[in-house]
N, C-alpha and C. Protein backbone atom coordinates (compact mmCIF):
# COMPACT_ATOMS: atom_id res chain seq x y z
N MET A 1 0.89 -1.45 0.07
CA MET A 1 -0.10 -0.17 0.16
C MET A 1 0.97 1.42 0.09
N ILE A 2 1.89 1.34 0.71
CA ILE A 2 2.82 2.42 0.83
C ILE A 2 3.47 2.54 -0.28
N SER A 3 3.85 1.55 -1.05
CA SER A 3 4.71 1.85 -2.41
C SER A 3 3.67 2.21 -3.25
N LEU A 4 2.46 1.81 -3.40
CA LEU A 4 1.47 2.37 -4.22
C LEU A 4 1.33 3.88 -4.09
N LEU A 5 1.13 4.59 -2.79
CA LEU A 5 1.29 5.55 -2.40
C LEU A 5 2.39 6.64 -2.99
N ARG A 6 3.42 5.82 -2.85
CA ARG A 6 4.99 6.50 -3.17
C ARG A 6 4.69 6.71 -4.90
N TYR A 7 4.21 5.60 -5.63
CA TYR A 7 4.22 5.55 -6.76
C TYR A 7 3.22 6.70 -7.55
N VAL A 8 1.99 6.63 -6.87
CA VAL A 8 1.19 7.75 -7.44
C VAL A 8 1.74 9.20 -7.12
N ARG A 9 2.39 9.42 -5.93
CA ARG A 9 2.78 10.86 -5.59
C ARG A 9 3.76 11.05 -6.39
N ARG A 10 4.76 10.15 -7.14
CA ARG A 10 6.07 10.57 -7.80
C ARG A 10 5.35 10.67 -9.22
N HIS A 11 4.41 10.20 -9.63
CA HIS A 11 3.78 10.19 -11.25
C HIS A 11 2.73 10.85 -11.06
N LEU A 12 2.10 11.81 -10.20
CA LEU A 12 0.92 12.68 -10.24
C LEU A 12 1.00 13.79 -11.35
N GLY A 13 2.53 14.42 -11.24
CA GLY A 13 2.62 15.48 -12.18
C GLY A 13 2.39 14.99 -13.63
N VAL A 14 2.65 13.77 -13.97
CA VAL A 14 2.81 13.34 -15.38
C VAL A 14 1.48 12.94 -15.61
N LEU A 15 0.54 12.72 -14.59
CA LEU A 15 -0.53 11.89 -14.94
C LEU A 15 -1.60 13.29 -15.23
N LEU A 16 -1.39 14.36 -14.27
CA LEU A 16 -2.10 15.67 -14.21
C LEU A 16 -1.94 16.24 -15.87
N LEU A 17 -0.65 16.22 -16.35
CA LEU A 17 -0.14 16.89 -17.64
C LEU A 17 -0.94 16.03 -18.58
N GLY A 18 -1.04 14.95 -18.84
CA GLY A 18 -1.59 14.08 -19.52
C GLY A 18 -2.91 14.29 -19.61
N PHE A 19 -3.60 14.23 -18.31
CA PHE A 19 -4.99 14.56 -18.36
C PHE A 19 -5.27 16.27 -19.20
N ILE A 20 -4.45 16.95 -18.82
CA ILE A 20 -4.66 18.41 -19.29
C ILE A 20 -4.52 18.44 -20.86
N VAL A 21 -3.59 17.48 -21.60
CA VAL A 21 -3.41 17.42 -23.05
C VAL A 21 -4.44 16.73 -23.60
N VAL A 22 -5.08 15.79 -22.99
CA VAL A 22 -6.51 15.12 -23.25
C VAL A 22 -7.56 16.13 -23.34
N LEU A 23 -7.66 17.09 -22.40
CA LEU A 23 -8.93 17.77 -22.37
C LEU A 23 -8.56 18.78 -23.34
N GLY A 24 -7.27 19.42 -23.62
CA GLY A 24 -7.07 20.21 -24.75
C GLY A 24 -7.25 19.51 -25.95
N SER A 25 -6.78 18.15 -26.56
CA SER A 25 -7.07 17.85 -27.64
C SER A 25 -8.46 17.63 -27.92
N ALA A 26 -9.15 17.45 -26.85
CA ALA A 26 -10.83 17.21 -26.79
C ALA A 26 -11.45 18.76 -27.05
N GLY A 27 -11.02 19.71 -26.90
CA GLY A 27 -11.59 21.36 -26.72
C GLY A 27 -12.10 21.42 -25.79
N VAL A 28 -11.64 21.28 -24.83
CA VAL A 28 -12.29 21.50 -23.57
C VAL A 28 -11.62 22.98 -22.83
N VAL A 29 -10.13 22.66 -23.01
CA VAL A 29 -9.36 23.82 -22.39
C VAL A 29 -9.63 25.04 -23.15
N LEU A 30 -10.27 26.25 -22.40
CA LEU A 30 -10.28 27.30 -23.10
C LEU A 30 -9.08 28.52 -22.52
N SER A 31 -8.58 29.16 -23.40
CA SER A 31 -7.70 30.17 -22.93
C SER A 31 -8.39 31.69 -22.69
N ASP A 32 -8.62 32.20 -21.42
CA ASP A 32 -9.03 33.35 -21.81
C ASP A 32 -8.44 34.76 -21.67
N ALA A 33 -7.06 34.44 -21.81
CA ALA A 33 -6.17 35.68 -21.85
C ALA A 33 -4.69 35.13 -22.42
N LEU A 34 -4.37 36.08 -23.26
CA LEU A 34 -2.62 35.63 -23.45
C LEU A 34 -1.86 35.69 -22.69
N GLU A 35 -1.00 34.86 -22.17
CA GLU A 35 -0.03 34.93 -21.54
C GLU A 35 1.48 35.03 -21.96
N VAL A 36 2.12 35.87 -20.59
CA VAL A 36 3.41 36.16 -21.29
C VAL A 36 4.32 34.89 -21.62
N TRP A 37 5.36 34.85 -22.77
CA TRP A 37 5.88 33.88 -23.34
C TRP A 37 7.25 34.24 -23.50
N ARG A 38 8.21 33.76 -22.91
CA ARG A 38 9.70 34.20 -22.91
C ARG A 38 10.71 33.08 -22.79
N PRO A 39 10.54 32.38 -24.34
CA PRO A 39 11.39 31.34 -24.29
C PRO A 39 12.87 31.80 -24.69
N ALA A 40 14.07 31.01 -24.55
CA ALA A 40 15.10 31.65 -24.70
C ALA A 40 15.33 31.84 -26.31
N THR A 41 14.87 31.07 -27.17
CA THR A 41 14.82 31.11 -28.35
C THR A 41 13.45 30.96 -29.09
N VAL A 42 13.13 31.42 -30.21
CA VAL A 42 12.02 31.17 -31.07
C VAL A 42 12.24 30.05 -31.96
N PRO A 43 11.78 29.03 -32.01
CA PRO A 43 12.39 27.98 -33.19
C PRO A 43 11.91 28.48 -34.53
N ASN A 44 12.49 28.09 -35.39
CA ASN A 44 12.46 28.33 -36.81
C ASN A 44 10.88 27.69 -37.47
N LEU A 45 10.78 28.14 -38.49
CA LEU A 45 9.34 27.52 -39.26
C LEU A 45 9.22 27.82 -40.42
N THR A 46 9.45 26.70 -41.18
CA THR A 46 9.42 26.77 -42.64
C THR A 46 8.51 25.70 -43.26
N LEU A 47 7.89 25.84 -43.72
CA LEU A 47 6.69 24.72 -44.15
C LEU A 47 5.91 25.49 -44.97
N PRO A 48 5.40 23.89 -46.06
CA PRO A 48 4.47 24.29 -47.75
C PRO A 48 3.03 24.78 -46.80
N ALA A 49 2.74 25.51 -47.79
CA ALA A 49 1.20 26.01 -47.54
C ALA A 49 0.32 25.37 -48.63
N LEU A 50 -0.88 25.64 -48.21
CA LEU A 50 -1.86 24.70 -49.41
C LEU A 50 -1.91 25.37 -50.58
N ASP A 51 -1.09 26.77 -50.81
CA ASP A 51 -1.31 27.32 -51.91
C ASP A 51 -0.48 27.19 -52.69
N GLY A 52 0.64 26.21 -52.29
CA GLY A 52 1.77 25.67 -53.04
C GLY A 52 3.16 26.47 -52.57
N THR A 53 3.00 27.78 -52.07
CA THR A 53 4.01 28.43 -51.63
C THR A 53 4.46 27.72 -50.50
N THR A 54 6.02 28.35 -50.12
CA THR A 54 6.51 27.78 -48.71
C THR A 54 6.55 29.22 -47.89
N ALA A 55 6.24 29.00 -46.65
CA ALA A 55 6.47 30.11 -45.60
C ALA A 55 7.66 29.95 -44.96
N HIS A 56 8.03 31.10 -44.51
CA HIS A 56 9.42 31.09 -43.75
C HIS A 56 9.18 32.07 -42.80
N LEU A 57 9.17 31.96 -41.55
CA LEU A 57 9.08 32.87 -40.22
C LEU A 57 10.19 34.07 -40.46
N GLY A 58 11.29 33.96 -40.77
CA GLY A 58 12.04 34.95 -40.85
C GLY A 58 11.82 35.83 -41.73
N ALA A 59 10.96 35.73 -42.81
CA ALA A 59 10.50 36.48 -43.87
C ALA A 59 9.31 37.47 -43.42
N GLU A 60 8.91 37.11 -42.35
CA GLU A 60 7.84 38.02 -41.30
C GLU A 60 8.32 39.30 -40.64
N ALA A 61 9.88 39.53 -40.60
CA ALA A 61 10.17 40.39 -39.54
C ALA A 61 9.56 41.89 -40.16
N GLY A 62 9.21 42.58 -39.39
CA GLY A 62 8.25 43.80 -39.44
C GLY A 62 7.33 43.95 -39.51
N LYS A 63 6.28 42.68 -39.05
CA LYS A 63 4.93 42.78 -38.39
C LYS A 63 4.92 41.82 -37.47
N LEU A 64 3.61 42.18 -36.67
CA LEU A 64 3.31 41.18 -35.82
C LEU A 64 3.02 40.06 -36.10
N VAL A 65 3.20 38.99 -35.51
CA VAL A 65 3.31 37.54 -36.42
C VAL A 65 2.45 36.82 -35.23
N ILE A 66 1.29 36.11 -35.67
CA ILE A 66 0.75 35.07 -34.76
C ILE A 66 0.74 33.75 -35.36
N VAL A 67 1.51 33.04 -34.55
CA VAL A 67 1.44 31.60 -35.07
C VAL A 67 0.67 30.59 -34.61
N HIS A 68 -0.31 30.27 -35.13
CA HIS A 68 -1.52 29.48 -34.59
C HIS A 68 -1.31 27.83 -35.14
N PHE A 69 -1.59 26.83 -33.84
CA PHE A 69 -1.44 25.34 -34.40
C PHE A 69 -2.80 24.89 -34.14
N PHE A 70 -3.27 24.34 -35.32
CA PHE A 70 -4.85 23.54 -35.05
C PHE A 70 -4.58 22.34 -35.76
N ALA A 71 -5.99 21.77 -35.76
CA ALA A 71 -6.20 20.35 -36.71
C ALA A 71 -7.54 20.09 -36.79
N THR A 72 -7.81 19.38 -37.78
CA THR A 72 -9.28 19.48 -38.52
C THR A 72 -10.15 18.77 -37.39
N TRP A 73 -9.67 17.94 -36.80
CA TRP A 73 -10.62 17.24 -35.69
C TRP A 73 -10.85 18.10 -34.49
N CYS A 74 -10.21 19.51 -34.05
CA CYS A 74 -10.01 19.79 -32.80
C CYS A 74 -11.66 20.71 -33.01
N GLU A 75 -12.39 20.64 -32.35
CA GLU A 75 -13.44 21.31 -32.79
C GLU A 75 -13.88 22.95 -32.50
N PRO A 76 -13.00 23.29 -31.16
CA PRO A 76 -12.93 24.85 -31.25
C PRO A 76 -12.24 25.52 -31.86
N CYS A 77 -11.07 24.69 -32.61
CA CYS A 77 -10.52 25.13 -33.79
C CYS A 77 -11.03 26.18 -34.93
N ARG A 78 -12.28 25.65 -35.10
CA ARG A 78 -12.76 25.93 -36.21
C ARG A 78 -13.36 27.33 -36.02
N ASP A 79 -13.69 27.40 -34.98
CA ASP A 79 -14.41 28.86 -34.56
C ASP A 79 -13.28 29.96 -34.56
N GLU A 80 -12.04 29.39 -33.97
CA GLU A 80 -10.92 30.08 -33.64
C GLU A 80 -10.28 30.67 -34.82
N LEU A 81 -10.51 29.73 -35.75
CA LEU A 81 -9.67 30.25 -37.21
C LEU A 81 -10.57 31.28 -37.57
N LYS A 82 -12.14 31.23 -37.59
CA LYS A 82 -12.75 32.33 -37.87
C LYS A 82 -12.74 33.79 -37.27
N SER A 83 -12.24 33.32 -35.94
CA SER A 83 -11.97 34.91 -35.30
C SER A 83 -10.97 35.30 -35.73
N LEU A 84 -9.83 34.24 -35.99
CA LEU A 84 -8.78 35.16 -36.53
C LEU A 84 -8.59 35.42 -37.95
N GLU A 85 -9.59 35.18 -38.58
CA GLU A 85 -9.97 35.89 -39.99
C GLU A 85 -10.32 37.00 -39.96
N ARG A 86 -11.46 37.34 -38.74
CA ARG A 86 -12.22 38.25 -38.13
C ARG A 86 -10.86 39.42 -37.96
N LEU A 87 -9.92 38.96 -37.13
CA LEU A 87 -8.91 40.18 -36.86
C LEU A 87 -8.21 40.37 -37.64
N ALA A 88 -7.70 39.36 -38.74
CA ALA A 88 -7.13 39.94 -40.08
C ALA A 88 -7.93 41.00 -40.87
N GLU A 89 -9.09 40.80 -40.87
CA GLU A 89 -9.91 41.40 -41.84
C GLU A 89 -9.89 42.92 -41.09
N SER A 90 -10.00 43.01 -39.94
CA SER A 90 -10.34 44.14 -39.28
C SER A 90 -8.85 45.20 -39.21
N LEU A 91 -7.84 44.55 -39.11
CA LEU A 91 -6.39 45.11 -39.08
C LEU A 91 -5.72 44.85 -40.54
N VAL A 92 -6.45 44.78 -41.53
CA VAL A 92 -6.08 44.82 -43.02
C VAL A 92 -4.72 45.29 -43.55
N ALA A 93 -4.87 46.69 -43.02
CA ALA A 93 -3.73 47.64 -43.54
C ALA A 93 -2.93 47.78 -42.44
N ARG A 94 -2.79 47.04 -41.46
CA ARG A 94 -1.93 47.30 -40.23
C ARG A 94 -0.33 45.94 -40.63
N PRO A 95 0.63 46.18 -39.99
CA PRO A 95 1.54 45.31 -40.07
C PRO A 95 1.37 44.06 -38.92
N LEU A 96 0.30 43.36 -39.47
CA LEU A 96 -0.03 41.77 -38.95
C LEU A 96 0.22 40.82 -39.82
N ARG A 97 0.72 39.73 -39.75
CA ARG A 97 0.69 38.61 -40.13
C ARG A 97 0.29 37.29 -39.18
N ILE A 98 -0.69 36.54 -39.71
CA ILE A 98 -1.03 35.38 -39.34
C ILE A 98 -0.42 34.09 -39.91
N LEU A 99 -0.02 32.92 -39.44
CA LEU A 99 0.37 32.02 -39.84
C LEU A 99 -0.39 30.63 -39.24
N ALA A 100 -1.31 30.11 -39.78
CA ALA A 100 -2.19 28.90 -39.27
C ALA A 100 -1.14 27.59 -39.56
N VAL A 101 -0.95 26.89 -38.74
CA VAL A 101 -0.22 25.80 -38.91
C VAL A 101 -1.25 24.27 -38.53
N ASP A 102 -1.53 23.59 -39.39
CA ASP A 102 -2.30 22.36 -39.22
C ASP A 102 -1.25 21.30 -38.89
N VAL A 103 -1.44 20.48 -37.87
CA VAL A 103 -0.51 19.41 -37.54
C VAL A 103 -0.90 18.14 -37.78
N GLY A 104 -0.11 17.52 -38.68
CA GLY A 104 -0.26 16.05 -38.61
C GLY A 104 -1.07 15.76 -39.46
N GLU A 105 -1.45 16.40 -40.60
CA GLU A 105 -2.69 15.71 -41.50
C GLU A 105 -2.30 16.27 -42.87
N PRO A 106 -3.00 15.24 -43.65
CA PRO A 106 -2.43 15.76 -45.31
C PRO A 106 -3.36 17.00 -45.70
N ALA A 107 -2.59 17.57 -46.67
CA ALA A 107 -3.37 18.76 -47.37
C ALA A 107 -4.66 18.71 -47.63
N ASP A 108 -5.28 17.70 -48.68
CA ASP A 108 -6.09 17.62 -48.68
C ASP A 108 -7.42 17.44 -47.92
N ARG A 109 -6.89 16.90 -46.53
CA ARG A 109 -8.00 16.58 -45.71
C ARG A 109 -8.04 18.63 -45.20
N VAL A 110 -7.06 19.13 -45.07
CA VAL A 110 -7.00 20.20 -44.73
C VAL A 110 -8.14 21.25 -45.42
N ARG A 111 -8.09 21.13 -46.83
CA ARG A 111 -8.82 21.56 -47.73
C ARG A 111 -10.36 21.36 -47.61
N ARG A 112 -10.30 20.12 -47.45
CA ARG A 112 -11.77 19.67 -47.31
C ARG A 112 -12.51 20.48 -46.25
N PHE A 113 -11.57 20.40 -45.06
CA PHE A 113 -12.29 21.02 -44.00
C PHE A 113 -12.46 22.37 -43.94
N LEU A 114 -11.57 23.20 -44.77
CA LEU A 114 -11.98 24.40 -44.59
C LEU A 114 -13.16 24.76 -45.69
N GLU A 115 -13.31 23.89 -46.69
CA GLU A 115 -14.45 24.05 -47.84
C GLU A 115 -15.91 23.70 -47.15
N ARG A 116 -15.71 22.54 -46.31
CA ARG A 116 -16.85 22.04 -45.65
C ARG A 116 -17.51 22.97 -44.74
N ASN A 117 -16.56 23.76 -43.66
CA ASN A 117 -16.86 24.75 -42.92
C ASN A 117 -17.06 26.13 -43.19
N LYS A 118 -17.12 26.50 -44.64
CA LYS A 118 -17.23 27.38 -45.35
C LYS A 118 -16.00 28.60 -44.47
N ILE A 119 -15.20 28.35 -44.29
CA ILE A 119 -13.79 29.12 -43.74
C ILE A 119 -12.73 29.66 -44.90
N SER A 120 -12.97 30.88 -45.05
CA SER A 120 -12.15 31.67 -46.05
C SER A 120 -11.16 32.57 -45.71
N LEU A 121 -9.87 31.87 -45.75
CA LEU A 121 -8.82 32.84 -44.71
C LEU A 121 -7.92 33.82 -45.77
N ARG A 122 -7.41 35.00 -45.13
CA ARG A 122 -6.88 35.67 -46.12
C ARG A 122 -5.29 35.38 -45.79
N PHE A 123 -4.97 34.61 -44.83
CA PHE A 123 -3.72 34.48 -44.31
C PHE A 123 -3.33 32.83 -44.36
N PRO A 124 -2.09 32.51 -44.97
CA PRO A 124 -1.74 31.33 -45.15
C PRO A 124 -2.00 30.06 -44.39
N VAL A 125 -2.34 29.11 -44.72
CA VAL A 125 -2.36 27.70 -44.05
C VAL A 125 -1.54 26.88 -44.39
N LEU A 126 -0.38 26.29 -43.38
CA LEU A 126 0.65 25.62 -43.59
C LEU A 126 0.18 24.14 -43.08
N VAL A 127 0.99 23.35 -43.43
CA VAL A 127 0.81 21.86 -43.04
C VAL A 127 2.12 21.29 -42.64
N ASP A 128 2.02 20.87 -41.19
CA ASP A 128 3.05 20.43 -40.59
C ASP A 128 2.89 18.76 -40.62
N PHE A 129 3.37 18.33 -41.63
CA PHE A 129 2.82 16.96 -41.69
C PHE A 129 3.37 15.77 -40.85
N ASP A 130 4.76 15.87 -40.52
CA ASP A 130 4.99 14.98 -39.46
C ASP A 130 5.49 15.64 -38.09
N LYS A 131 4.66 16.67 -37.92
CA LYS A 131 4.91 17.18 -36.46
C LYS A 131 6.01 17.78 -35.87
N GLN A 132 7.10 17.97 -36.95
CA GLN A 132 8.23 18.21 -36.38
C GLN A 132 8.28 19.73 -36.04
N VAL A 133 7.49 20.58 -36.74
CA VAL A 133 7.14 22.10 -35.84
C VAL A 133 6.50 22.09 -34.62
N MET A 134 5.47 21.49 -34.73
CA MET A 134 5.04 21.36 -33.57
C MET A 134 5.66 21.00 -32.16
N ARG A 135 6.63 19.85 -32.42
CA ARG A 135 7.24 19.60 -31.22
C ARG A 135 8.77 20.41 -30.95
N ALA A 136 9.26 21.23 -32.03
CA ALA A 136 9.73 22.40 -31.82
C ALA A 136 9.31 23.46 -31.20
N TRP A 137 8.11 24.04 -31.25
CA TRP A 137 7.50 24.85 -30.48
C TRP A 137 7.06 24.43 -29.32
N GLU A 138 7.25 23.30 -28.98
CA GLU A 138 6.58 22.25 -27.83
C GLU A 138 5.21 22.73 -27.61
N VAL A 139 4.16 22.50 -28.44
CA VAL A 139 2.95 22.41 -28.24
C VAL A 139 2.31 21.21 -28.00
N GLU A 140 1.73 21.48 -26.72
CA GLU A 140 1.08 20.53 -25.95
C GLU A 140 -0.39 19.93 -26.18
N MET A 141 -1.05 20.75 -26.87
CA MET A 141 -2.47 21.13 -26.91
C MET A 141 -2.79 21.80 -27.97
N LEU A 142 -4.15 21.46 -28.75
CA LEU A 142 -4.31 22.60 -29.79
C LEU A 142 -5.96 22.95 -29.19
N PRO A 143 -6.32 24.02 -29.96
CA PRO A 143 -5.20 24.99 -30.48
C PRO A 143 -4.53 25.46 -29.31
N THR A 144 -3.23 26.14 -29.86
CA THR A 144 -2.17 26.79 -29.26
C THR A 144 -1.77 28.13 -30.17
N SER A 145 -1.59 29.11 -29.52
CA SER A 145 -1.12 30.11 -30.36
C SER A 145 0.12 30.93 -29.49
N PHE A 146 1.02 31.54 -30.72
CA PHE A 146 2.08 32.37 -30.18
C PHE A 146 2.24 33.52 -30.94
N VAL A 147 2.61 34.66 -30.22
CA VAL A 147 2.63 36.13 -30.80
C VAL A 147 3.90 36.55 -30.82
N LEU A 148 4.67 36.81 -31.90
CA LEU A 148 5.87 37.50 -32.04
C LEU A 148 6.00 39.28 -32.41
N ASP A 149 6.55 39.60 -31.84
CA ASP A 149 6.66 41.07 -32.23
C ASP A 149 7.37 41.42 -33.70
N ARG A 150 7.50 42.49 -34.28
CA ARG A 150 8.02 42.48 -35.44
C ARG A 150 9.64 42.28 -35.56
N THR A 151 10.19 42.29 -34.38
CA THR A 151 11.31 41.63 -34.76
C THR A 151 11.49 40.00 -34.28
N LEU A 152 10.53 39.68 -34.59
CA LEU A 152 10.48 38.38 -34.35
C LEU A 152 10.59 37.75 -32.99
N CYS A 153 10.79 38.64 -31.99
CA CYS A 153 10.87 38.09 -30.53
C CYS A 153 9.72 37.93 -29.80
N PRO A 154 9.47 36.88 -28.73
CA PRO A 154 8.27 36.15 -28.36
C PRO A 154 7.51 37.30 -27.53
N LEU A 155 6.35 37.31 -27.43
CA LEU A 155 5.46 37.99 -26.74
C LEU A 155 4.56 37.17 -25.80
N TRP A 156 3.52 36.58 -26.27
CA TRP A 156 2.29 35.98 -25.72
C TRP A 156 2.37 34.18 -26.59
N LYS A 157 1.72 33.77 -25.38
CA LYS A 157 1.12 32.32 -25.79
C LYS A 157 -0.21 32.18 -25.46
N ALA A 158 -0.99 31.61 -26.17
CA ALA A 158 -2.30 31.06 -25.67
C ALA A 158 -2.29 29.53 -25.62
N ALA A 159 -2.70 28.69 -24.66
CA ALA A 159 -2.66 27.23 -24.94
C ALA A 159 -4.08 26.95 -24.35
N GLY A 160 -4.83 26.73 -25.68
CA GLY A 160 -6.47 26.66 -25.72
C GLY A 160 -6.90 27.66 -26.68
N ALA A 161 -8.28 27.28 -26.79
CA ALA A 161 -9.18 28.49 -27.34
C ALA A 161 -9.15 29.65 -26.91
N LEU A 162 -9.30 30.96 -28.18
CA LEU A 162 -9.49 32.09 -27.72
C LEU A 162 -10.07 32.88 -28.84
N GLU A 163 -10.70 33.96 -28.19
CA GLU A 163 -11.42 34.91 -29.28
C GLU A 163 -10.40 35.99 -29.54
N TRP A 164 -10.03 36.23 -30.69
CA TRP A 164 -9.10 37.06 -30.97
C TRP A 164 -9.47 38.73 -31.45
N ASP A 165 -10.86 38.71 -31.93
CA ASP A 165 -11.22 40.10 -32.60
C ASP A 165 -12.18 40.56 -31.60
N ILE A 166 -12.38 40.62 -30.37
CA ILE A 166 -12.95 41.31 -29.44
C ILE A 166 -12.19 41.53 -27.99
N GLY A 167 -12.43 42.28 -27.26
CA GLY A 167 -12.15 42.31 -25.90
C GLY A 167 -10.75 42.64 -25.35
N ALA A 168 -10.05 42.14 -24.27
CA ALA A 168 -8.82 42.37 -23.82
C ALA A 168 -7.83 42.08 -25.00
N THR A 169 -7.95 40.85 -25.60
CA THR A 169 -6.88 40.13 -26.49
C THR A 169 -6.66 40.99 -27.88
N LEU A 170 -8.27 41.61 -28.23
CA LEU A 170 -7.98 42.59 -29.35
C LEU A 170 -7.32 43.92 -28.92
N SER A 171 -7.28 44.25 -27.94
CA SER A 171 -6.73 45.50 -27.62
C SER A 171 -5.42 45.36 -27.29
N MET A 172 -5.01 44.48 -27.00
CA MET A 172 -3.41 43.76 -26.57
C MET A 172 -2.88 43.94 -28.01
N ILE A 173 -3.20 43.08 -28.67
CA ILE A 173 -2.87 43.09 -30.53
C ILE A 173 -2.73 44.50 -31.10
N GLU A 174 -3.70 45.35 -30.70
CA GLU A 174 -3.78 46.72 -31.60
C GLU A 174 -3.20 47.65 -30.80
N ALA A 175 -2.58 47.33 -29.48
CA ALA A 175 -1.56 48.24 -28.92
C ALA A 175 -0.16 47.80 -29.11
N GLU A 176 0.05 46.62 -29.17
CA GLU A 176 1.32 46.27 -29.56
C GLU A 176 1.90 46.69 -31.00
N ILE A 177 0.77 46.50 -32.01
CA ILE A 177 1.01 47.27 -33.27
C ILE A 177 1.32 48.47 -33.16
N ALA A 178 0.65 49.40 -32.34
CA ALA A 178 0.70 50.77 -32.61
C ALA A 178 1.92 50.96 -31.96
N ARG A 179 2.70 50.65 -30.72
CA ARG A 179 3.65 50.57 -30.29
C ARG A 179 4.83 50.12 -31.13
N SER A 180 4.68 49.29 -31.73
CA SER A 180 5.86 48.82 -32.75
C SER A 180 5.99 49.65 -34.06
N GLU A 181 4.78 50.36 -34.44
CA GLU A 181 4.51 51.33 -35.60
C GLU A 181 5.62 52.72 -35.10
N GLN A 182 4.97 52.92 -33.92
CA GLN A 182 5.92 54.05 -33.38
C GLN A 182 7.20 54.13 -33.17
N SER A 183 7.85 52.85 -32.29
CA SER A 183 9.28 52.47 -32.44
C SER A 183 9.76 51.98 -33.50
N GLU A 184 9.04 51.74 -34.76
CA GLU A 184 9.54 51.20 -35.91
C GLU A 184 10.25 49.88 -35.71
N GLY A 185 9.40 49.12 -35.28
CA GLY A 185 9.84 47.80 -34.81
C GLY A 185 11.33 47.53 -33.69
N ARG A 186 11.78 48.69 -33.33
CA ARG A 186 13.13 48.13 -32.39
C ARG A 186 12.41 47.69 -31.00
N THR A 187 13.44 46.72 -30.35
CA THR A 187 12.93 46.08 -29.03
C THR A 187 14.08 46.29 -28.11
N ASN A 188 13.61 46.50 -26.93
CA ASN A 188 14.51 46.53 -25.71
C ASN A 188 15.30 45.16 -25.03
N ARG A 189 14.92 44.16 -25.80
CA ARG A 189 15.09 42.64 -25.44
C ARG A 189 16.20 42.61 -26.17
N ALA A 190 17.58 43.14 -25.90
CA ALA A 190 18.63 42.72 -26.60
C ALA A 190 19.13 41.54 -26.88
N ASN A 191 18.47 40.51 -25.91
CA ASN A 191 19.30 39.25 -26.05
C ASN A 191 18.07 38.15 -26.83
N CYS A 192 17.16 38.85 -27.40
CA CYS A 192 16.15 38.06 -28.14
C CYS A 192 17.23 37.19 -29.39
N MET A 193 16.75 35.86 -29.51
CA MET A 193 17.27 35.32 -30.36
C MET A 193 15.99 34.46 -31.03
N VAL A 194 16.34 34.26 -32.64
CA VAL A 194 15.33 33.60 -33.10
C VAL A 194 16.22 32.86 -34.17
N LYS A 195 16.03 31.29 -34.06
CA LYS A 195 16.41 30.24 -34.30
C LYS A 195 15.87 30.38 -35.96
N GLY A 196 16.79 30.78 -36.85
CA GLY A 196 16.12 30.56 -38.17
C GLY A 196 15.45 31.68 -38.69
N GLY A 197 15.17 32.87 -38.00
CA GLY A 197 14.79 34.04 -37.99
C GLY A 197 15.61 34.97 -38.55
N THR A 198 15.30 36.36 -38.27
CA THR A 198 16.20 37.59 -38.63
C THR A 198 15.60 38.61 -37.73
N GLN A 199 16.49 39.47 -37.42
CA GLN A 199 16.37 40.53 -36.35
C GLN A 199 16.74 41.84 -36.95
């Protein structure tokens, strides 16, 4: 009995993490706010897009960048993609770039998902076939999103579904874009490192 209690205590953290990941995959976990995200480096991102082009994170310097990980089986991802599209539409003339990354699915399935759900996006949809990019970004649940400033330095993360085009989240995005426009993209975080990006 004592050894069983020791085992449970020792592995409780792992069990809880697994439970959270399962909930996130089922679409139960919601994120009500962007949280500060400060990794030592931002991983590279180079992926094929549904339109046949290839997207490179380093090419997006000069814009506020949202990297959004999703999958077609993730129910809240559908509504979040629509929310991101409304955000992109409302800020169409501003320096904002959204990169939506589907995880572990063939391109045809992603196309069918978008058509079936009548989702038309003005930003690229990228396909992470082998989940290598997802692992590099340490994504543990879907949807998960990351926000980078105009120098591709990390700002915020949202693990779980988020409404981007209303409330505090919209205010934060608009304020950061305005701040970066005024400072011409300069950052005070001199130690910011972007693996595979530009600064």
